[in-house]
Amino acid sequence: MISPKFFIDKLGSLGIDFYAGVPDSLLKNICAYISDNMDAHHNIIAANEGGAVGLAAGYHLATGKIGCVYMQNSGEGNIINPLASLTDKEVYNIPVLLLIGWRGRPGVHDEPQHVKQGKITTGLLNTMGINYDVLSKDEDKAAAQIEKAVASMQQTNEVYALIIEKDTFEQYALQNVGQSDLCMSREEAIRQVAASAGEKDVIVGTTGMISRELFEYRESANAGHEKDFLTVGAMGHASQIALGIAMEKPGRRVWCFDGDGASIMHMGSMAIVASKAPRNYIHVVFNNGAHDSVGGQPTVGLRIDLPAVAKAVGYNHVESVDCLEALAEVLSRLGTVEGPVFLEVKVKKGNRKDLGRPTTTPVQNKMMLMEFLNQ
């Protein structure tokens, strides 16, 4: 395996010392090392992967140097537009080094939401005419690949990608872990909110730990899963899935269980929810200021005023709580409040180490929910 220090030092020796991106579980060791060893000017955790490409492009315009963008391969969807219409050699011809975590690589067991993306990871790069290498786990070979990548970008001003497999980087734990005085766990907050939902209500859970903890709650309560849609992929789009349901099922309350990283990723979606003014819509953002599912890298969630954003774009009712008692009080009166409602629930980072994953397939989850909605 490759030492994160070796990798970053090698890039630095070749003039690359600016990073932007969205953390990935396969890249968590290298992302943690970057966070600990690069200042905030040289490492920006972006709202989404497309934004990270924009940052790298702006950096190049200002300095003439090459920036590095890190992401999970699911983020390829967010970068196709800027890669094709901004950095491409037929447009502005701007070099960017991409580090792409290869979830769902064919032949390697992974979660259902990663299988299709894994199959098309290199195909998308081929379609866009982007040269790439699958990074070797041997440091000498990796060094040669990095040199090749940088030489290619310097000669052509074109984007180059390094594809990162599982277990490429040696273990490295994030040292600069932000501390907060929040005491409520996300899981206990999810349990309390889910328990308050009515018999006809449905819940759309966002990507990552939130949907896993919602599934575990139903299991522990010996309840079915037909009332929940677990958005195992498509990070940042749960609020729009919930809106689509709410508009077609006005007789049911629809809850969106969102995360701070996911809601920030496509924050413009909040404006669309508000503009449609669904009376039956409750948007709950569990905010711990971190990308908890991929190593705890920070978001700006606890540094910005999400309720103020919701109010400004037109949500009818806005609340923020940071303890179970306040959460219970708010939930007790939401039944009489007309939506769209925005509820920020501030929680501490972390999750149970033995937290399970959904045992139903995505298609089974879909079919159960659709049957429930049509009752």
Protein backbone atom coordinates (compact mmCIF):
# COMPACT_ATOMS: atom_id res chain seq x y z
CA MET A 1 0.00 0.00 0.00
CA ILE A 2 0.98 3.64 -0.45
CA SER A 3 1.76 5.99 2.40
CA PRO A 4 -0.47 9.09 2.25
CA LYS A 5 2.58 11.19 3.08
CA PHE A 6 4.53 9.69 0.20
CA PHE A 7 1.68 10.38 -2.21
CA ILE A 8 1.15 14.02 -1.18
CA ASP A 9 4.88 14.72 -1.00
CA LYS A 10 5.30 13.30 -4.51
CA LEU A 11 2.57 15.56 -5.88
CA GLY A 12 4.08 18.50 -4.01
CA SER A 13 7.50 17.88 -5.55
CA LEU A 14 5.82 18.17 -8.95
CA GLY A 15 4.12 21.45 -8.09
CA ILE A 16 0.66 20.23 -7.05
CA ASP A 17 -0.37 21.53 -3.63
CA PHE A 18 -3.99 22.67 -4.08
CA TYR A 19 -6.84 20.25 -3.33
CA ALA A 20 -10.61 20.43 -3.54
CA GLY A 21 -13.29 17.77 -3.52
CA VAL A 22 -15.85 15.72 -1.68
CA PRO A 23 -14.50 13.01 0.68
CA ASP A 24 -14.88 9.34 -0.22
CA SER A 25 -14.64 6.23 1.95
CA LEU A 26 -11.98 4.69 -0.35
CA LEU A 27 -10.01 7.94 -0.12
CA LYS A 28 -10.61 8.61 3.57
CA ASN A 29 -6.97 7.99 4.53
CA ILE A 30 -5.58 10.35 1.90
CA CYS A 31 -8.37 12.90 2.55
CA ALA A 32 -7.59 12.79 6.28
CA TYR A 33 -3.90 13.36 5.59
CA ILE A 34 -4.68 16.30 3.29
CA SER A 35 -6.97 17.81 5.95
CA ASP A 36 -4.29 17.52 8.62
CA ASN A 37 -1.40 18.76 6.49
CA MET A 38 -2.87 21.39 4.18
CA ASP A 39 -4.21 24.72 5.37
CA ALA A 40 -7.73 25.87 4.54
CA HIS A 41 -6.40 27.84 1.58
CA HIS A 42 -4.98 24.71 -0.05
CA ASN A 43 -7.73 22.20 0.78
CA ILE A 44 -11.38 23.06 0.17
CA ILE A 45 -14.12 20.52 0.86
CA ALA A 46 -16.54 21.60 -1.83
CA ALA A 47 -20.33 21.54 -1.85
CA ASN A 48 -20.19 19.02 -4.69
CA GLU A 49 -17.68 17.55 -7.12
CA GLY A 50 -18.59 19.88 -9.98
CA GLY A 51 -17.90 22.82 -7.72
CA ALA A 52 -14.50 21.32 -6.89
CA VAL A 53 -13.61 21.25 -10.61
CA GLY A 54 -14.63 24.90 -10.78
CA LEU A 55 -12.35 25.71 -7.85
CA ALA A 56 -9.44 23.93 -9.51
CA ALA A 57 -10.13 25.81 -12.76
CA GLY A 58 -10.16 29.16 -10.96
CA TYR A 59 -6.95 28.23 -9.16
CA HIS A 60 -5.28 27.45 -12.49
CA LEU A 61 -6.47 30.72 -14.03
CA ALA A 62 -4.99 32.66 -11.12
CA THR A 63 -1.70 30.76 -10.75
CA GLY A 64 -1.03 28.73 -13.89
CA LYS A 65 -0.66 25.69 -11.62
CA ILE A 66 -2.55 22.39 -11.57
CA GLY A 67 -5.12 21.64 -8.90
CA CYS A 68 -6.19 18.22 -7.64
CA VAL A 69 -9.85 17.20 -7.23
CA TYR A 70 -10.76 14.15 -5.09
CA MET A 71 -14.08 12.30 -5.15
CA GLN A 72 -15.91 8.99 -5.12
CA ASN A 73 -16.75 7.70 -8.60
CA SER A 74 -20.40 8.56 -7.92
CA GLY A 75 -19.23 12.16 -8.24
CA GLU A 76 -18.42 11.66 -11.91
CA GLY A 77 -22.01 12.61 -12.65
CA ASN A 78 -21.47 16.00 -11.02
CA ILE A 79 -18.26 16.70 -12.95
CA ILE A 80 -19.34 15.75 -16.49
CA ASN A 81 -20.70 19.24 -17.19
CA PRO A 82 -17.60 21.24 -16.11
CA LEU A 83 -15.28 18.64 -17.66
CA ALA A 84 -17.09 18.80 -21.00
CA SER A 85 -17.89 22.51 -21.15
CA LEU A 86 -15.15 24.17 -19.07
CA THR A 87 -11.88 22.26 -18.79
CA ASP A 88 -12.06 20.34 -22.09
CA LYS A 89 -9.36 21.02 -24.67
CA GLU A 90 -12.01 22.21 -27.14
CA VAL A 91 -13.23 24.85 -24.69
CA TYR A 92 -10.75 26.40 -22.19
CA ASN A 93 -8.19 23.57 -22.10
CA ILE A 94 -7.56 23.61 -18.31
CA PRO A 95 -5.57 20.84 -16.60
CA VAL A 96 -6.95 19.20 -13.44
CA LEU A 97 -5.76 16.04 -11.71
CA LEU A 98 -8.69 13.85 -10.63
CA LEU A 99 -8.43 11.31 -7.79
CA ILE A 100 -11.42 9.00 -8.14
CA GLY A 101 -12.30 6.30 -5.60
CA TRP A 102 -13.43 3.20 -7.53
CA ARG A 103 -16.45 1.94 -5.59
CA GLY A 104 -18.19 -1.05 -7.17
CA ARG A 105 -15.26 -2.14 -9.32
CA PRO A 106 -16.36 -5.19 -11.33
CA GLY A 107 -15.40 -8.37 -9.50
CA VAL A 108 -15.23 -6.65 -6.10
CA HIS A 109 -18.25 -6.99 -3.78
CA ASP A 110 -19.87 -3.67 -2.93
CA GLU A 111 -23.21 -2.13 -2.03
CA PRO A 112 -25.97 -2.11 -4.71
CA GLN A 113 -25.78 1.63 -5.34
CA HIS A 114 -22.13 1.32 -6.37
CA VAL A 115 -22.44 -1.55 -8.85
CA LYS A 116 -23.54 0.40 -11.93
CA GLN A 117 -21.19 3.31 -11.23
CA GLY A 118 -18.34 0.87 -10.81
CA LYS A 119 -19.02 -0.64 -14.23
CA ILE A 120 -19.00 2.72 -16.02
CA THR A 121 -16.25 4.53 -14.09
CA THR A 122 -13.57 4.16 -16.77
CA GLY A 123 -16.11 4.21 -19.62
CA LEU A 124 -17.21 7.72 -18.71
CA LEU A 125 -13.61 8.89 -18.74
CA ASN A 126 -13.08 7.23 -22.13
CA THR A 127 -16.20 8.92 -23.50
CA MET A 128 -14.94 12.32 -22.36
CA GLY A 129 -11.47 11.67 -23.77
CA ILE A 130 -9.74 11.81 -20.38
CA ASN A 131 -6.52 9.87 -19.94
CA TYR A 132 -6.25 7.85 -16.72
CA ASP A 133 -4.33 5.22 -14.80
CA VAL A 134 -5.44 2.84 -12.07
CA LEU A 135 -2.99 3.80 -9.34
CA SER A 136 -0.62 1.02 -8.36
CA LYS A 137 -0.37 -0.02 -4.70
CA ASP A 138 3.41 -0.16 -5.09
CA GLU A 139 5.03 3.19 -4.26
CA ASP A 140 7.70 3.05 -6.97
CA LYS A 141 5.16 2.21 -9.67
CA ALA A 142 2.75 4.79 -8.29
CA ALA A 143 5.47 7.45 -8.38
CA ALA A 144 6.05 6.72 -12.06
CA GLN A 145 2.31 6.97 -12.76
CA ILE A 146 2.12 10.32 -10.96
CA GLU A 147 5.08 11.65 -12.95
CA LYS A 148 3.43 10.46 -16.17
CA ALA A 149 0.15 12.15 -15.22
CA VAL A 150 1.77 15.48 -14.37
CA ALA A 151 3.95 15.43 -17.48
CA SER A 152 0.86 14.80 -19.63
CA MET A 153 -1.05 17.68 -18.04
CA GLN A 154 1.89 20.06 -18.36
CA GLN A 155 2.34 19.16 -22.03
CA THR A 156 -1.32 19.15 -23.12
CA ASN A 157 -3.18 21.22 -20.49
CA GLU A 158 -5.73 18.38 -20.38
CA VAL A 159 -7.39 16.69 -17.41
CA TYR A 160 -5.87 13.44 -16.14
CA ALA A 161 -7.39 10.95 -13.71
CA LEU A 162 -5.90 8.52 -11.20
CA ILE A 163 -8.38 5.77 -10.30
CA ILE A 164 -8.02 4.58 -6.70
CA GLU A 165 -8.95 1.02 -5.72
CA LYS A 166 -9.86 -0.20 -2.25
CA ASP A 167 -6.90 -0.53 0.15
CA THR A 168 -4.56 1.56 -1.99
CA PHE A 169 -3.53 3.88 0.83
CA GLU A 170 -2.13 2.95 4.23
CA GLN A 171 -4.24 3.69 7.29
CA TYR A 172 -4.26 7.28 8.45
CA ALA A 173 -6.67 8.66 11.05
CA LEU A 174 -7.84 12.26 10.99
CA GLN A 175 -6.10 14.19 13.78
CA ASN A 176 -7.73 17.61 13.48
CA VAL A 177 -11.17 16.51 14.56
CA GLY A 178 -13.43 19.45 15.26
CA GLN A 179 -15.06 19.37 18.67
CA SER A 180 -18.51 20.58 19.60
CA ASP A 181 -20.59 20.61 22.78
CA LEU A 182 -23.51 18.87 21.10
CA CYS A 183 -24.80 15.96 23.15
CA MET A 184 -27.61 14.42 21.06
CA SER A 185 -26.68 11.48 18.85
CA ARG A 186 -28.08 11.34 15.34
CA GLU A 187 -29.47 7.86 15.89
CA GLU A 188 -31.51 8.78 18.96
CA ALA A 189 -32.78 11.88 17.19
CA ILE A 190 -33.82 9.81 14.16
CA ARG A 191 -35.64 7.37 16.42
CA GLN A 192 -37.54 10.19 18.11
CA VAL A 193 -38.54 11.88 14.86
CA ALA A 194 -39.52 8.62 13.14
CA ALA A 195 -41.59 7.57 16.15
CA SER A 196 -43.55 10.83 15.92
CA ALA A 197 -44.61 10.22 12.31
CA GLY A 198 -48.25 9.31 11.67
CA GLU A 199 -49.57 6.01 10.37
CA LYS A 200 -49.99 7.36 6.85
CA ASP A 201 -46.72 9.35 6.80
CA VAL A 202 -43.75 8.37 4.66
CA ILE A 203 -40.07 9.13 5.17
CA VAL A 204 -37.41 9.66 2.50
CA GLY A 205 -33.98 9.07 4.02
CA THR A 206 -30.82 10.51 2.48
CA THR A 207 -27.62 8.69 1.54
CA GLY A 208 -25.39 7.15 4.18
CA MET A 209 -25.79 6.75 7.93
CA ILE A 210 -29.22 8.40 8.14
CA SER A 211 -30.96 5.77 6.03
CA ARG A 212 -29.03 2.99 7.81
CA GLU A 213 -30.08 4.28 11.22
CA LEU A 214 -33.69 4.66 10.07
CA PHE A 215 -33.66 1.05 8.85
CA GLU A 216 -32.21 -0.10 12.20
CA TYR A 217 -34.92 1.79 14.07
CA ARG A 218 -37.66 -0.02 12.16
CA GLU A 219 -35.94 -3.33 12.84
CA SER A 220 -35.65 -2.66 16.58
CA ALA A 221 -39.30 -1.64 16.73
CA ASN A 222 -40.37 -4.82 14.87
CA ALA A 223 -41.95 -2.56 12.26
CA GLY A 224 -42.02 -2.91 8.52
CA HIS A 225 -40.04 -0.80 6.07
CA GLU A 226 -42.85 0.05 3.68
CA LYS A 227 -43.14 3.66 4.91
CA ASP A 228 -39.53 4.53 4.12
CA PHE A 229 -37.62 5.24 0.93
CA LEU A 230 -33.91 4.75 1.62
CA THR A 231 -31.96 6.83 -0.89
CA VAL A 232 -28.80 4.71 -0.87
CA GLY A 233 -27.30 6.69 -3.80
CA ALA A 234 -27.96 10.03 -5.53
CA MET A 235 -26.49 12.10 -2.70
CA GLY A 236 -28.18 15.48 -2.32
CA HIS A 237 -31.42 14.59 -4.09
CA ALA A 238 -33.55 13.14 -1.26
CA SER A 239 -35.40 16.44 -0.79
CA GLN A 240 -36.57 16.37 -4.40
CA ILE A 241 -37.65 12.73 -4.21
CA ALA A 242 -39.68 13.66 -1.14
CA LEU A 243 -41.12 16.69 -2.94
CA GLY A 244 -42.20 14.55 -5.88
CA ILE A 245 -44.08 12.23 -3.50
CA ALA A 246 -45.58 15.06 -1.45
CA MET A 247 -47.02 16.83 -4.48
CA GLU A 248 -48.75 13.67 -5.73
CA LYS A 249 -49.91 12.49 -2.29
CA PRO A 250 -51.25 15.66 -0.61
CA GLY A 251 -53.21 13.57 1.89
CA ARG A 252 -50.04 12.18 3.44
CA ARG A 253 -47.28 13.94 5.34
CA VAL A 254 -43.90 13.38 3.72
CA TRP A 255 -40.73 13.69 5.77
CA CYS A 256 -37.29 14.16 4.25
CA PHE A 257 -34.51 12.97 6.57
CA ASP A 258 -31.52 14.89 5.20
CA GLY A 259 -27.91 15.44 6.22
CA ASP A 260 -25.95 18.68 6.26
CA GLY A 261 -23.48 17.51 3.62
CA ALA A 262 -26.27 16.25 1.35
CA SER A 263 -28.42 19.36 1.71
CA ILE A 264 -25.46 21.66 1.06
CA MET A 265 -24.47 19.61 -2.00
CA HIS A 266 -27.58 20.77 -3.88
CA MET A 267 -28.83 23.61 -1.70
CA GLY A 268 -30.82 25.14 -4.55
CA SER A 269 -33.30 22.30 -4.12
CA MET A 270 -34.56 24.00 -0.95
CA ALA A 271 -35.75 26.92 -3.05
CA ILE A 272 -37.73 24.56 -5.28
CA VAL A 273 -39.39 22.91 -2.27
CA ALA A 274 -40.40 26.32 -0.93
CA SER A 275 -41.63 27.54 -4.30
CA LYS A 276 -44.04 24.59 -4.59
CA ALA A 277 -45.29 25.20 -1.03
CA PRO A 278 -46.33 21.62 -0.20
CA ARG A 279 -48.40 21.81 3.00
CA ASN A 280 -47.58 18.17 3.81
CA TYR A 281 -43.77 18.47 3.59
CA ILE A 282 -41.35 18.32 6.55
CA HIS A 283 -37.65 18.70 5.79
CA VAL A 284 -35.48 17.52 8.69
CA VAL A 285 -31.73 18.14 8.43
CA PHE A 286 -29.62 16.21 10.95
CA ASN A 287 -26.64 18.54 11.14
CA ASN A 288 -23.35 17.37 12.66
CA GLY A 289 -21.03 19.43 10.47
CA ALA A 290 -19.40 16.36 8.97
CA HIS A 291 -19.41 13.87 6.12
CA ASP A 292 -19.87 11.13 8.70
CA SER A 293 -20.19 8.18 6.31
CA VAL A 294 -16.81 8.68 4.67
CA GLY A 295 -14.43 9.45 7.52
CA GLY A 296 -15.83 12.46 9.36
CA GLN A 297 -14.35 15.15 7.09
CA PRO A 298 -15.91 18.53 7.95
CA THR A 299 -18.70 20.34 6.16
CA VAL A 300 -19.67 23.95 6.73
CA GLY A 301 -22.99 22.75 8.20
CA LEU A 302 -22.41 24.07 11.72
CA ARG A 303 -20.76 27.27 10.47
CA ILE A 304 -23.74 28.50 8.46
CA ASP A 305 -27.35 29.25 9.36
CA LEU A 306 -29.37 26.63 7.51
CA PRO A 307 -32.69 27.66 9.13
CA ALA A 308 -32.10 31.24 7.92
CA VAL A 309 -31.56 29.88 4.40
CA ALA A 310 -34.82 27.91 4.62
CA LYS A 311 -36.68 30.97 5.85
CA ALA A 312 -35.18 33.17 3.15
CA VAL A 313 -36.20 30.84 0.30
CA GLY A 314 -39.74 30.57 1.64
CA TYR A 315 -40.31 27.60 3.94
CA ASN A 316 -43.50 28.28 5.88
CA HIS A 317 -42.21 27.21 9.30
CA VAL A 318 -38.59 26.93 10.51
CA GLU A 319 -37.16 25.45 13.72
CA SER A 320 -33.75 24.47 15.10
CA VAL A 321 -33.07 22.24 18.12
CA ASP A 322 -29.98 20.78 19.76
CA CYS A 323 -31.34 18.53 22.52
CA LEU A 324 -33.91 15.75 22.83
CA GLU A 325 -36.21 17.76 25.07
CA ALA A 326 -36.47 20.61 22.58
CA LEU A 327 -36.92 18.11 19.75
CA ALA A 328 -39.80 16.43 21.56
CA GLU A 329 -41.48 19.79 22.14
CA VAL A 330 -41.23 20.78 18.48
CA LEU A 331 -42.47 17.41 17.27
CA SER A 332 -45.48 17.61 19.58
CA ARG A 333 -46.83 20.62 17.68
CA LEU A 334 -45.78 19.89 14.09
CA GLY A 335 -49.06 18.09 13.51
CA THR A 336 -50.88 21.44 13.40
CA VAL A 337 -48.25 23.32 11.41
CA GLU A 338 -48.71 23.88 7.68
CA GLY A 339 -45.70 23.05 5.55
CA PRO A 340 -43.29 23.23 4.07
CA VAL A 341 -41.51 22.89 7.41
CA PHE A 342 -37.75 23.02 7.91
CA LEU A 343 -36.36 21.46 11.09
CA GLU A 344 -32.65 21.55 11.83
CA VAL A 345 -31.57 18.96 14.40
CA LYS A 346 -28.03 19.58 15.60
CA VAL A 347 -26.33 16.31 16.56
CA LYS A 348 -22.89 15.12 17.51
CA LYS A 349 -20.61 13.27 15.11
CA GLY A 350 -20.22 9.52 15.03
CA ASN A 351 -22.28 6.35 14.93
CA ARG A 352 -22.44 2.88 16.43
CA LYS A 353 -19.60 0.69 15.23
CA ASP A 354 -21.99 -2.23 14.82
CA LEU A 355 -24.48 -0.26 12.73
CA GLY A 356 -25.96 -2.55 10.10
CA ARG A 357 -27.03 -1.97 6.53
CA PRO A 358 -30.46 -2.47 4.96
CA THR A 359 -31.19 -6.12 4.33
CA THR A 360 -33.79 -5.35 1.66
CA THR A 361 -32.70 -4.61 -1.89
CA PRO A 362 -33.36 -1.17 -3.40
CA VAL A 363 -36.01 -2.68 -5.70
CA GLN A 364 -37.75 -4.38 -2.75
CA ASN A 365 -37.67 -1.06 -0.87
CA LYS A 366 -39.22 0.73 -3.86
CA MET A 367 -41.99 -1.82 -4.35
CA MET A 368 -42.98 -1.85 -0.66
CA LEU A 369 -43.19 1.94 -0.57
CA MET A 370 -45.21 2.17 -3.78
CA GLU A 371 -47.67 -0.41 -2.49
CA PHE A 372 -48.03 1.53 0.77
CA LEU A 373 -48.55 4.82 -1.06
CA ASN A 374 -51.30 3.32 -3.18
CA GLN A 375 -53.29 1.91 -0.28
